[in-house]
Amino acid sequence: MRVLVVIPTFNEAENIDRVVAATHAALPDAGILVVDDGSPDGTAERVEELRERHRDLHLLRREKKSGLGSAYRTGFRWGMEHGYDVMVEMDADLSHDPGALPELIAPIAQGHEVVIGSRYVPGGSIPKWKLHRHLLSKGGNVFASVVLGLRVADSTAGFRAYAATLLSRMALDTVRAEGYGFQIEMTYRARQAGASIVEVPIRFVDREVGESKMSSAIVVEAFFLVTWWGLLRALGAAWHLARGRRPAREKVAVSRHS
């Protein structure tokens, strides 16, 4: 099973050495693809230097900052074109622990097609977050799960693994959301595609160096997208009922590892 860890970067020169080294230590046989959005701090140049020491380390340079979702879509397509079986999403700021990668990808070998590193299943945690951040994150996840019928605890999580078998049938070019919205949309699309989804607990920590890429615009985008998708879902169900048919059941196995 060939694994590719996709890491989007923008101004992560201070973190990239550590995240590459820790990823290789956790998964020595995995590939790493850094998708850099024209970082002015020399992130891409540092990755080029690291390639001399780390095998299966790759770099895609993009001219400008084009968004998290776009970076992952680009990375996933690259991975499938190069024959990888599993694509992993991971931040470059070490908020996701590379040491947890073996546990994250293990369910893929058991037949699941999506593995979410979850903060909200037993064993998951977010140390040092203030109450308002907990409430915003937890509330957003509950809202998305109820409105879209996701039945997952952490649909906004950005530490996850996808089987190439799923990505190849998901029409990635039609996925448009960024930030939190991208993670929710991918979860929703996976459910629609009939994927088996499992959540594994992770410990999420805030970055130690560099600046956070989170903004209020990302949260607002996610809220409006979820509301829109939920409306379309409700209209679709109403159309089926009006025609005297029940909507097709979604064939998705959802389980949680603790």
C-alpha atoms as a PDB file:
ATOM      1  CA  MET A   1       0.000   0.000   0.000  1.00  0.00           C
ATOM      2  CA  ARG A   2       1.725   3.172  -1.246  1.00  0.00           C
ATOM      3  CA  VAL A   3       0.980   6.180   0.955  1.00  0.00           C
ATOM      4  CA  LEU A   4       1.415   9.830  -0.002  1.00  0.00           C
ATOM      5  CA  VAL A   5       1.289  12.542   2.669  1.00  0.00           C
ATOM      6  CA  VAL A   6       0.143  15.803   1.076  1.00  0.00           C
ATOM      7  CA  ILE A   7       1.270  18.939   2.933  1.00  0.00           C
ATOM      8  CA  PRO A   8       0.095  22.374   1.708  1.00  0.00           C
ATOM      9  CA  THR A   9       2.428  25.214   2.663  1.00  0.00           C
ATOM     10  CA  PHE A  10       2.481  28.983   2.724  1.00  0.00           C
ATOM     11  CA  ASN A  11       5.292  30.546   4.741  1.00  0.00           C
ATOM     12  CA  GLU A  12       6.201  27.380   6.663  1.00  0.00           C
ATOM     13  CA  ALA A  13      10.008  27.595   6.395  1.00  0.00           C
ATOM     14  CA  GLU A  14      10.260  27.491  10.200  1.00  0.00           C
ATOM     15  CA  ASN A  15       8.351  24.198  10.426  1.00  0.00           C
ATOM     16  CA  ILE A  16       9.069  22.276   7.237  1.00  0.00           C
ATOM     17  CA  ASP A  17      12.315  20.593   8.397  1.00  0.00           C
ATOM     18  CA  ARG A  18      10.640  19.165  11.489  1.00  0.00           C
ATOM     19  CA  VAL A  19       7.458  18.024   9.775  1.00  0.00           C
ATOM     20  CA  VAL A  20       9.337  16.264   6.943  1.00  0.00           C
ATOM     21  CA  ALA A  21      11.721  14.528   9.354  1.00  0.00           C
ATOM     22  CA  ALA A  22       8.900  13.458  11.693  1.00  0.00           C
ATOM     23  CA  THR A  23       6.786  12.174   8.807  1.00  0.00           C
ATOM     24  CA  HIS A  24       9.622  10.064   7.440  1.00  0.00           C
ATOM     25  CA  ALA A  25      10.318   8.739  10.928  1.00  0.00           C
ATOM     26  CA  ALA A  26       6.673   7.686  11.352  1.00  0.00           C
ATOM     27  CA  LEU A  27       6.209   6.284   7.828  1.00  0.00           C
ATOM     28  CA  PRO A  28       9.643   5.534   6.325  1.00  0.00           C
ATOM     29  CA  ASP A  29       8.150   4.078   3.136  1.00  0.00           C
ATOM     30  CA  ALA A  30       5.633   6.856   2.505  1.00  0.00           C
ATOM     31  CA  GLY A  31       5.992   9.622  -0.036  1.00  0.00           C
ATOM     32  CA  ILE A  32       5.643  13.287   0.920  1.00  0.00           C
ATOM     33  CA  LEU A  33       4.298  15.912  -1.452  1.00  0.00           C
ATOM     34  CA  VAL A  34       4.646  19.563  -0.454  1.00  0.00           C
ATOM     35  CA  VAL A  35       2.275  21.862  -2.359  1.00  0.00           C
ATOM     36  CA  ASP A  36       3.680  25.343  -1.886  1.00  0.00           C
ATOM     37  CA  ASP A  37       1.653  28.431  -2.777  1.00  0.00           C
ATOM     38  CA  GLY A  38       4.489  30.782  -3.654  1.00  0.00           C
ATOM     39  CA  SER A  39       5.768  31.241  -0.103  1.00  0.00           C
ATOM     40  CA  PRO A  40       7.923  34.389   0.062  1.00  0.00           C
ATOM     41  CA  ASP A  41       9.790  33.042   3.107  1.00  0.00           C
ATOM     42  CA  GLY A  42      11.684  30.400   1.094  1.00  0.00           C
ATOM     43  CA  THR A  43       9.637  27.332   2.072  1.00  0.00           C
ATOM     44  CA  ALA A  44       9.903  25.810  -1.418  1.00  0.00           C
ATOM     45  CA  GLU A  45      13.638  26.413  -1.579  1.00  0.00           C
ATOM     46  CA  ARG A  46      14.065  24.676   1.763  1.00  0.00           C
ATOM     47  CA  VAL A  47      12.081  21.675   0.504  1.00  0.00           C
ATOM     48  CA  GLU A  48      14.395  21.476  -2.511  1.00  0.00           C
ATOM     49  CA  GLU A  49      17.345  21.258  -0.118  1.00  0.00           C
ATOM     50  CA  LEU A  50      15.636  18.585   1.971  1.00  0.00           C
ATOM     51  CA  ARG A  51      15.081  16.439  -1.118  1.00  0.00           C
ATOM     52  CA  GLU A  52      18.798  15.684  -1.115  1.00  0.00           C
ATOM     53  CA  ARG A  53      18.389  13.889   2.235  1.00  0.00           C
ATOM     54  CA  HIS A  54      14.889  12.443   2.056  1.00  0.00           C
ATOM     55  CA  ARG A  55      13.849   9.960  -0.576  1.00  0.00           C
ATOM     56  CA  ASP A  56      10.342  10.177  -2.021  1.00  0.00           C
ATOM     57  CA  LEU A  57      10.012  13.862  -1.084  1.00  0.00           C
ATOM     58  CA  HIS A  58       8.349  15.898  -3.832  1.00  0.00           C
ATOM     59  CA  LEU A  59       7.483  19.541  -4.409  1.00  0.00           C
ATOM     60  CA  LEU A  60       4.772  21.245  -6.431  1.00  0.00           C
ATOM     61  CA  ARG A  61       5.270  24.993  -6.756  1.00  0.00           C
ATOM     62  CA  ARG A  62       2.272  27.226  -7.358  1.00  0.00           C
ATOM     63  CA  GLU A  63       2.633  30.887  -8.234  1.00  0.00           C
ATOM     64  CA  LYS A  64       0.292  32.326  -5.613  1.00  0.00           C
ATOM     65  CA  LYS A  65      -1.808  31.481  -2.594  1.00  0.00           C
ATOM     66  CA  SER A  66      -4.763  29.586  -4.050  1.00  0.00           C
ATOM     67  CA  GLY A  67      -6.431  27.991  -1.038  1.00  0.00           C
ATOM     68  CA  LEU A  68      -6.251  24.858   1.072  1.00  0.00           C
ATOM     69  CA  GLY A  69      -8.869  22.915  -0.846  1.00  0.00           C
ATOM     70  CA  SER A  70      -7.216  23.695  -4.156  1.00  0.00           C
ATOM     71  CA  ALA A  71      -3.837  22.551  -2.799  1.00  0.00           C
ATOM     72  CA  TYR A  72      -5.250  19.224  -1.622  1.00  0.00           C
ATOM     73  CA  ARG A  73      -7.125  18.617  -4.878  1.00  0.00           C
ATOM     74  CA  THR A  74      -3.902  19.266  -6.788  1.00  0.00           C
ATOM     75  CA  GLY A  75      -1.964  16.964  -4.477  1.00  0.00           C
ATOM     76  CA  PHE A  76      -4.542  14.173  -4.674  1.00  0.00           C
ATOM     77  CA  ARG A  77      -4.546  14.250  -8.473  1.00  0.00           C
ATOM     78  CA  TRP A  78      -0.739  14.154  -8.500  1.00  0.00           C
ATOM     79  CA  GLY A  79      -0.758  11.195  -6.135  1.00  0.00           C
ATOM     80  CA  MET A  80      -3.225   9.213  -8.223  1.00  0.00           C
ATOM     81  CA  GLU A  81      -1.279   9.962 -11.404  1.00  0.00           C
ATOM     82  CA  HIS A  82       1.848   8.570  -9.717  1.00  0.00           C
ATOM     83  CA  GLY A  83       0.254   5.370  -8.474  1.00  0.00           C
ATOM     84  CA  TYR A  84      -0.240   6.022  -4.746  1.00  0.00           C
ATOM     85  CA  ASP A  85      -2.990   4.028  -3.020  1.00  0.00           C
ATOM     86  CA  VAL A  86      -3.629   6.320  -0.032  1.00  0.00           C
ATOM     87  CA  MET A  87      -3.572  10.114   0.173  1.00  0.00           C
ATOM     88  CA  VAL A  88      -3.156  11.761   3.581  1.00  0.00           C
ATOM     89  CA  GLU A  89      -4.002  15.352   4.495  1.00  0.00           C
ATOM     90  CA  MET A  90      -1.713  16.916   7.081  1.00  0.00           C
ATOM     91  CA  ASP A  91      -0.915  20.476   8.140  1.00  0.00           C
ATOM     92  CA  ALA A  92       2.649  21.752   8.007  1.00  0.00           C
ATOM     93  CA  ASP A  93       2.500  23.510  11.379  1.00  0.00           C
ATOM     94  CA  LEU A  94       2.751  20.355  13.555  1.00  0.00           C
ATOM     95  CA  SER A  95      -0.753  20.818  14.931  1.00  0.00           C
ATOM     96  CA  HIS A  96      -1.189  17.301  13.530  1.00  0.00           C
ATOM     97  CA  ASP A  97       1.267  14.875  15.084  1.00  0.00           C
ATOM     98  CA  PRO A  98       3.136  12.949  12.351  1.00  0.00           C
ATOM     99  CA  GLY A  99       3.692  10.220  14.943  1.00  0.00           C
ATOM    100  CA  ALA A 100      -0.021   9.388  14.656  1.00  0.00           C
ATOM    101  CA  LEU A 101       0.229   8.579  10.944  1.00  0.00           C
ATOM    102  CA  PRO A 102       0.474   4.772  11.327  1.00  0.00           C
ATOM    103  CA  GLU A 103      -2.791   4.714  13.331  1.00  0.00           C
ATOM    104  CA  LEU A 104      -4.421   7.084  10.846  1.00  0.00           C
ATOM    105  CA  ILE A 105      -3.784   4.921   7.780  1.00  0.00           C
ATOM    106  CA  ALA A 106      -4.275   1.500   9.410  1.00  0.00           C
ATOM    107  CA  PRO A 107      -8.069   1.380   8.803  1.00  0.00           C
ATOM    108  CA  ILE A 108      -7.509   1.868   5.062  1.00  0.00           C
ATOM    109  CA  ALA A 109      -5.794  -1.530   4.951  1.00  0.00           C
ATOM    110  CA  GLN A 110      -8.889  -2.947   6.675  1.00  0.00           C
ATOM    111  CA  GLY A 111     -11.162  -1.801   3.862  1.00  0.00           C
ATOM    112  CA  HIS A 112     -12.275   1.689   4.953  1.00  0.00           C
ATOM    113  CA  GLU A 113     -11.957   4.469   2.380  1.00  0.00           C
ATOM    114  CA  VAL A 114     -11.926   7.535   4.652  1.00  0.00           C
ATOM    115  CA  VAL A 115     -10.164   7.857   8.009  1.00  0.00           C
ATOM    116  CA  ILE A 116     -10.692  11.060   9.978  1.00  0.00           C
ATOM    117  CA  GLY A 117      -8.301  12.028  12.750  1.00  0.00           C
ATOM    118  CA  SER A 118     -10.969  13.169  15.165  1.00  0.00           C
ATOM    119  CA  ARG A 119     -10.786  15.495  18.137  1.00  0.00           C
ATOM    120  CA  TYR A 120     -14.295  14.579  19.260  1.00  0.00           C
ATOM    121  CA  VAL A 121     -14.314  10.806  19.681  1.00  0.00           C
ATOM    122  CA  PRO A 122     -13.194   9.131  22.929  1.00  0.00           C
ATOM    123  CA  GLY A 123      -9.448   9.592  23.253  1.00  0.00           C
ATOM    124  CA  GLY A 124      -9.337  12.729  21.111  1.00  0.00           C
ATOM    125  CA  SER A 125      -8.388  16.079  22.634  1.00  0.00           C
ATOM    126  CA  ILE A 126      -7.574  19.744  22.015  1.00  0.00           C
ATOM    127  CA  PRO A 127      -5.321  20.983  24.819  1.00  0.00           C
ATOM    128  CA  LYS A 128      -5.183  24.685  25.640  1.00  0.00           C
ATOM    129  CA  TRP A 129      -8.174  25.793  23.583  1.00  0.00           C
ATOM    130  CA  LYS A 130     -10.340  28.471  25.168  1.00  0.00           C
ATOM    131  CA  LEU A 131     -14.035  27.808  25.728  1.00  0.00           C
ATOM    132  CA  HIS A 132     -15.252  29.967  22.822  1.00  0.00           C
ATOM    133  CA  ARG A 133     -13.077  28.052  20.346  1.00  0.00           C
ATOM    134  CA  HIS A 134     -14.366  24.721  21.664  1.00  0.00           C
ATOM    135  CA  LEU A 135     -17.950  25.938  21.335  1.00  0.00           C
ATOM    136  CA  LEU A 136     -17.423  27.279  17.799  1.00  0.00           C
ATOM    137  CA  SER A 137     -15.727  24.117  16.573  1.00  0.00           C
ATOM    138  CA  LYS A 138     -18.041  21.669  18.301  1.00  0.00           C
ATOM    139  CA  GLY A 139     -21.127  23.638  17.309  1.00  0.00           C
ATOM    140  CA  GLY A 140     -20.031  23.794  13.678  1.00  0.00           C
ATOM    141  CA  ASN A 141     -19.490  20.041  13.597  1.00  0.00           C
ATOM    142  CA  VAL A 142     -22.874  19.293  15.139  1.00  0.00           C
ATOM    143  CA  PHE A 143     -24.570  21.680  12.698  1.00  0.00           C
ATOM    144  CA  ALA A 144     -22.875  20.112   9.653  1.00  0.00           C
ATOM    145  CA  SER A 145     -23.571  16.569  10.797  1.00  0.00           C
ATOM    146  CA  VAL A 146     -27.261  17.216  11.448  1.00  0.00           C
ATOM    147  CA  VAL A 147     -27.937  19.286   8.322  1.00  0.00           C
ATOM    148  CA  LEU A 148     -26.054  16.952   5.959  1.00  0.00           C
ATOM    149  CA  GLY A 149     -26.626  13.643   7.729  1.00  0.00           C
ATOM    150  CA  LEU A 150     -22.889  12.992   8.002  1.00  0.00           C
ATOM    151  CA  ARG A 151     -22.970  10.965  11.226  1.00  0.00           C
ATOM    152  CA  VAL A 152     -19.359  11.820  12.046  1.00  0.00           C
ATOM    153  CA  ALA A 153     -18.120  13.714  15.093  1.00  0.00           C
ATOM    154  CA  ASP A 154     -15.418  15.825  13.420  1.00  0.00           C
ATOM    155  CA  SER A 155     -16.220  16.675   9.805  1.00  0.00           C
ATOM    156  CA  THR A 156     -14.011  19.791   9.918  1.00  0.00           C
ATOM    157  CA  ALA A 157     -10.860  17.849  10.849  1.00  0.00           C
ATOM    158  CA  GLY A 158      -7.932  18.358   8.486  1.00  0.00           C
ATOM    159  CA  PHE A 159      -5.887  15.301   9.468  1.00  0.00           C
ATOM    160  CA  ARG A 160      -7.304  12.432   7.437  1.00  0.00           C
ATOM    161  CA  ALA A 161      -6.607   9.700   4.900  1.00  0.00           C
ATOM    162  CA  TYR A 162      -8.411   8.809   1.680  1.00  0.00           C
ATOM    163  CA  ALA A 163      -8.196   5.661  -0.387  1.00  0.00           C
ATOM    164  CA  ALA A 164      -7.412   6.348  -4.042  1.00  0.00           C
ATOM    165  CA  THR A 165     -10.345   4.105  -4.941  1.00  0.00           C
ATOM    166  CA  LEU A 166     -12.671   6.707  -3.440  1.00  0.00           C
ATOM    167  CA  LEU A 167     -10.920   9.789  -4.823  1.00  0.00           C
ATOM    168  CA  SER A 168     -11.005   8.319  -8.321  1.00  0.00           C
ATOM    169  CA  ARG A 169     -14.813   8.279  -8.276  1.00  0.00           C
ATOM    170  CA  MET A 170     -15.442  11.580  -6.468  1.00  0.00           C
ATOM    171  CA  ALA A 171     -15.117  14.063  -9.371  1.00  0.00           C
ATOM    172  CA  LEU A 172     -12.530  16.172  -7.542  1.00  0.00           C
ATOM    173  CA  ASP A 173     -12.722  18.924 -10.164  1.00  0.00           C
ATOM    174  CA  THR A 174     -16.251  19.725  -8.961  1.00  0.00           C
ATOM    175  CA  VAL A 175     -15.190  20.202  -5.303  1.00  0.00           C
ATOM    176  CA  ARG A 176     -14.952  23.948  -4.766  1.00  0.00           C
ATOM    177  CA  ALA A 177     -14.856  24.697  -1.031  1.00  0.00           C
ATOM    178  CA  GLU A 178     -11.783  25.813   0.912  1.00  0.00           C
ATOM    179  CA  GLY A 179     -10.817  25.692   4.598  1.00  0.00           C
ATOM    180  CA  TYR A 180     -13.367  24.095   6.934  1.00  0.00           C
ATOM    181  CA  GLY A 181     -15.786  23.979   4.011  1.00  0.00           C
ATOM    182  CA  PHE A 182     -13.441  21.737   2.041  1.00  0.00           C
ATOM    183  CA  GLN A 183     -13.232  19.179   4.837  1.00  0.00           C
ATOM    184  CA  ILE A 184     -17.005  19.144   5.249  1.00  0.00           C
ATOM    185  CA  GLU A 185     -17.611  18.914   1.506  1.00  0.00           C
ATOM    186  CA  MET A 186     -15.183  16.008   1.160  1.00  0.00           C
ATOM    187  CA  THR A 187     -16.931  14.198   4.013  1.00  0.00           C
ATOM    188  CA  TYR A 188     -20.319  14.806   2.400  1.00  0.00           C
ATOM    189  CA  ARG A 189     -19.073  13.718  -1.038  1.00  0.00           C
ATOM    190  CA  ALA A 190     -17.529  10.587   0.461  1.00  0.00           C
ATOM    191  CA  ARG A 191     -20.846   9.667   2.049  1.00  0.00           C
ATOM    192  CA  GLN A 192     -22.657  10.254  -1.243  1.00  0.00           C
ATOM    193  CA  ALA A 193     -20.084   8.065  -3.012  1.00  0.00           C
ATOM    194  CA  GLY A 194     -20.778   5.167  -0.665  1.00  0.00           C
ATOM    195  CA  ALA A 195     -17.494   5.264   1.265  1.00  0.00           C
ATOM    196  CA  SER A 196     -16.852   3.529   4.559  1.00  0.00           C
ATOM    197  CA  ILE A 197     -15.805   6.213   7.067  1.00  0.00           C
ATOM    198  CA  VAL A 198     -13.991   5.660  10.354  1.00  0.00           C
ATOM    199  CA  GLU A 199     -12.785   8.152  12.960  1.00  0.00           C
ATOM    200  CA  VAL A 200      -9.663   7.631  15.066  1.00  0.00           C
ATOM    201  CA  PRO A 201      -8.791   9.831  18.055  1.00  0.00           C
ATOM    202  CA  ILE A 202      -6.030  12.430  17.753  1.00  0.00           C
ATOM    203  CA  ARG A 203      -4.509  15.102  19.950  1.00  0.00           C
ATOM    204  CA  PHE A 204      -4.717  18.473  18.181  1.00  0.00           C
ATOM    205  CA  VAL A 205      -2.362  21.247  19.275  1.00  0.00           C
ATOM    206  CA  ASP A 206      -1.969  24.848  18.112  1.00  0.00           C
ATOM    207  CA  ARG A 207       1.094  25.779  16.084  1.00  0.00           C
ATOM    208  CA  GLU A 208       4.189  26.809  18.024  1.00  0.00           C
ATOM    209  CA  VAL A 209       5.827  28.992  15.331  1.00  0.00           C
ATOM    210  CA  GLY A 210       4.488  30.879  12.327  1.00  0.00           C
ATOM    211  CA  GLU A 211       1.113  32.509  11.790  1.00  0.00           C
ATOM    212  CA  SER A 212      -2.261  30.784  11.731  1.00  0.00           C
ATOM    213  CA  LYS A 213      -4.057  30.708   8.358  1.00  0.00           C
ATOM    214  CA  MET A 214      -7.503  30.582  10.018  1.00  0.00           C
ATOM    215  CA  SER A 215      -9.826  33.531   9.395  1.00  0.00           C
ATOM    216  CA  SER A 216     -13.441  34.487  10.001  1.00  0.00           C
ATOM    217  CA  ALA A 217     -14.039  34.296   6.232  1.00  0.00           C
ATOM    218  CA  ILE A 218     -13.271  30.552   6.289  1.00  0.00           C
ATOM    219  CA  VAL A 219     -15.829  29.991   9.065  1.00  0.00           C
ATOM    220  CA  VAL A 220     -18.478  32.073   7.267  1.00  0.00           C
ATOM    221  CA  GLU A 221     -17.841  30.198   4.013  1.00  0.00           C
ATOM    222  CA  ALA A 222     -18.349  26.858   5.747  1.00  0.00           C
ATOM    223  CA  PHE A 223     -21.603  27.980   7.392  1.00  0.00           C
ATOM    224  CA  PHE A 224     -23.190  29.178   4.157  1.00  0.00           C
ATOM    225  CA  LEU A 225     -22.001  26.167   2.170  1.00  0.00           C
ATOM    226  CA  VAL A 226     -23.404  23.702   4.708  1.00  0.00           C
ATOM    227  CA  THR A 227     -26.714  25.584   4.729  1.00  0.00           C
ATOM    228  CA  TRP A 228     -26.862  25.515   0.915  1.00  0.00           C
ATOM    229  CA  TRP A 229     -25.973  21.816   0.674  1.00  0.00           C
ATOM    230  CA  GLY A 230     -28.511  21.042   3.372  1.00  0.00           C
ATOM    231  CA  LEU A 231     -31.218  22.908   1.451  1.00  0.00           C
ATOM    232  CA  LEU A 232     -30.392  20.987  -1.724  1.00  0.00           C
ATOM    233  CA  ARG A 233     -30.471  17.729   0.246  1.00  0.00           C
ATOM    234  CA  ALA A 234     -33.896  18.575   1.679  1.00  0.00           C
ATOM    235  CA  LEU A 235     -35.258  19.529  -1.753  1.00  0.00           C
ATOM    236  CA  GLY A 236     -33.975  16.269  -3.188  1.00  0.00           C
ATOM    237  CA  ALA A 237     -35.693  14.267  -0.452  1.00  0.00           C
ATOM    238  CA  ALA A 238     -38.929  16.214  -0.997  1.00  0.00           C
ATOM    239  CA  TRP A 239     -38.775  15.507  -4.749  1.00  0.00           C
ATOM    240  CA  HIS A 240     -38.404  11.766  -4.126  1.00  0.00           C
ATOM    241  CA  LEU A 241     -41.346  11.789  -1.703  1.00  0.00           C
ATOM    242  CA  ALA A 242     -43.494  13.751  -4.151  1.00  0.00           C
ATOM    243  CA  ARG A 243     -42.854  11.049  -6.730  1.00  0.00           C
ATOM    244  CA  GLY A 244     -43.845   8.388  -4.227  1.00  0.00           C
ATOM    245  CA  ARG A 245     -40.320   7.041  -3.786  1.00  0.00           C
ATOM    246  CA  ARG A 246     -38.031   6.944  -0.799  1.00  0.00           C
ATOM    247  CA  PRO A 247     -34.542   8.408  -1.324  1.00  0.00           C
ATOM    248  CA  ALA A 248     -31.875   5.770  -1.890  1.00  0.00           C
ATOM    249  CA  ARG A 249     -30.152   4.737   1.314  1.00  0.00           C
ATOM    250  CA  GLU A 250     -26.531   5.806   1.537  1.00  0.00           C
ATOM    251  CA  LYS A 251     -24.345   2.731   1.729  1.00  0.00           C
ATOM    252  CA  VAL A 252     -21.765   4.021   4.161  1.00  0.00           C
ATOM    253  CA  ALA A 253     -20.274   2.157   7.076  1.00  0.00           C
ATOM    254  CA  VAL A 254     -19.318   4.532   9.847  1.00  0.00           C
ATOM    255  CA  SER A 255     -17.354   3.307  12.819  1.00  0.00           C
ATOM    256  CA  ARG A 256     -15.004   4.753  15.400  1.00  0.00           C
ATOM    257  CA  HIS A 257     -11.769   3.449  16.811  1.00  0.00           C
ATOM    258  CA  SER A 258     -11.005   4.412  20.370  1.00  0.00           C
END
